[in-house]
Amino acid sequence: MDGEEGTTIGAGIAWGFETEMRYGIVAEAHGYMDQKALKEILEWKIREMAKIRKIRLNGINYKIEVMRVPMDQYGCVIASLVYLME
């Protein structure tokens, strides 16, 4: 997410594995919002995804980045998730 001076910008990812740890799901959100708003959206998205797929999650994890862009500046926030197979 990018923004101009004086704006609050945020980006986030939520992820979770189903109870038997066979696979997981990921949701993303971004916008002109703070950490609380991002977390609410991410939680809603990932729970809806699980509901549609009829799975139970073994917990939800979050990575959220938020910043207030300083005056006379531009800003950018990035949240990423990297999955490595062992």
Protein backbone atom coordinates (compact mmCIF):
# COMPACT_ATOMS: atom_id res chain seq x y z
CA MET A 1 0.00 0.00 0.00
CA ASP A 2 1.32 3.45 -0.79
CA GLY A 3 0.26 6.86 0.41
CA GLU A 4 1.01 10.56 0.54
CA GLU A 5 1.94 12.85 3.41
CA GLY A 6 -0.33 12.77 6.43
CA THR A 7 -2.11 9.53 5.52
CA THR A 8 -2.17 6.32 7.54
CA ILE A 9 -1.53 3.31 5.34
CA GLY A 10 -1.50 -0.36 6.12
CA ALA A 11 -1.04 -3.80 4.61
CA GLY A 12 -1.56 -7.15 6.22
CA ILE A 13 -1.76 -10.89 5.79
CA ALA A 14 -3.59 -13.51 7.84
CA TRP A 15 -2.91 -17.21 7.56
CA GLY A 16 -3.90 -20.43 9.23
CA PHE A 17 -3.74 -24.18 8.82
CA GLU A 18 -6.68 -26.52 9.07
CA THR A 19 -6.80 -28.65 12.22
CA GLU A 20 -4.94 -31.63 10.74
CA MET A 21 -2.19 -29.33 9.36
CA ARG A 22 -2.57 -30.74 5.81
CA TYR A 23 -3.01 -27.34 4.16
CA GLY A 24 -3.59 -23.70 4.93
CA ILE A 25 -5.30 -20.57 3.69
CA VAL A 26 -4.10 -16.98 3.33
CA ALA A 27 -5.99 -13.67 3.21
CA GLU A 28 -4.64 -10.20 2.46
CA ALA A 29 -5.90 -6.66 2.98
CA HIS A 30 -4.56 -3.15 2.46
CA GLY A 31 -5.80 0.40 2.53
CA TYR A 32 -5.91 3.71 4.35
CA MET A 33 -6.45 2.18 7.77
CA ASP A 34 -4.83 1.46 11.10
CA GLN A 35 -3.79 -1.87 12.63
CA LYS A 36 -7.11 -2.48 14.39
CA ALA A 37 -9.15 -2.00 11.20
CA LEU A 38 -6.79 -4.20 9.17
CA LYS A 39 -6.92 -7.00 11.74
CA GLU A 40 -10.74 -6.91 11.79
CA ILE A 41 -10.91 -7.18 8.00
CA LEU A 42 -8.30 -9.94 7.87
CA GLU A 43 -10.06 -11.95 10.56
CA TRP A 44 -13.39 -11.65 8.76
CA LYS A 45 -11.84 -12.64 5.41
CA ILE A 46 -10.01 -15.71 6.68
CA ARG A 47 -12.98 -16.93 8.73
CA GLU A 48 -15.24 -16.55 5.69
CA MET A 49 -12.74 -18.47 3.55
CA ALA A 50 -12.67 -21.29 6.13
CA LYS A 51 -16.46 -21.30 6.38
CA ILE A 52 -16.91 -21.55 2.60
CA ARG A 53 -14.42 -24.43 2.48
CA LYS A 54 -16.00 -26.07 5.55
CA ILE A 55 -12.72 -26.31 7.45
CA ARG A 56 -11.71 -25.55 11.00
CA LEU A 57 -8.58 -23.51 11.51
CA ASN A 58 -5.86 -24.43 13.98
CA GLY A 59 -5.45 -20.74 14.89
CA ILE A 60 -4.94 -17.55 12.90
CA ASN A 61 -1.63 -15.72 12.48
CA TYR A 62 -1.23 -12.10 11.38
CA LYS A 63 1.49 -9.92 9.89
CA ILE A 64 0.39 -6.29 9.74
CA GLU A 65 2.44 -3.23 8.81
CA VAL A 66 1.08 0.30 9.32
CA MET A 67 2.65 3.73 9.04
CA ARG A 68 1.64 7.37 9.20
CA VAL A 69 3.36 9.01 6.24
CA PRO A 70 5.48 11.99 7.38
CA MET A 71 4.84 15.46 5.96
CA ASP A 72 6.56 16.17 2.63
CA GLN A 73 7.08 12.42 2.08
CA TYR A 74 5.56 9.45 0.31
CA GLY A 75 5.33 6.09 1.99
CA CYS A 76 4.84 2.41 1.31
CA VAL A 77 4.13 -0.61 3.51
CA ILE A 78 4.47 -4.25 2.53
CA ALA A 79 3.45 -7.42 4.34
CA SER A 80 4.56 -10.71 2.84
CA LEU A 81 4.34 -14.39 3.56
CA VAL A 82 6.88 -16.90 2.28
CA TYR A 83 6.12 -20.60 2.46
CA LEU A 84 9.11 -22.91 2.40
CA MET A 85 8.77 -26.65 1.93
CA GLU A 86 11.12 -28.81 3.92
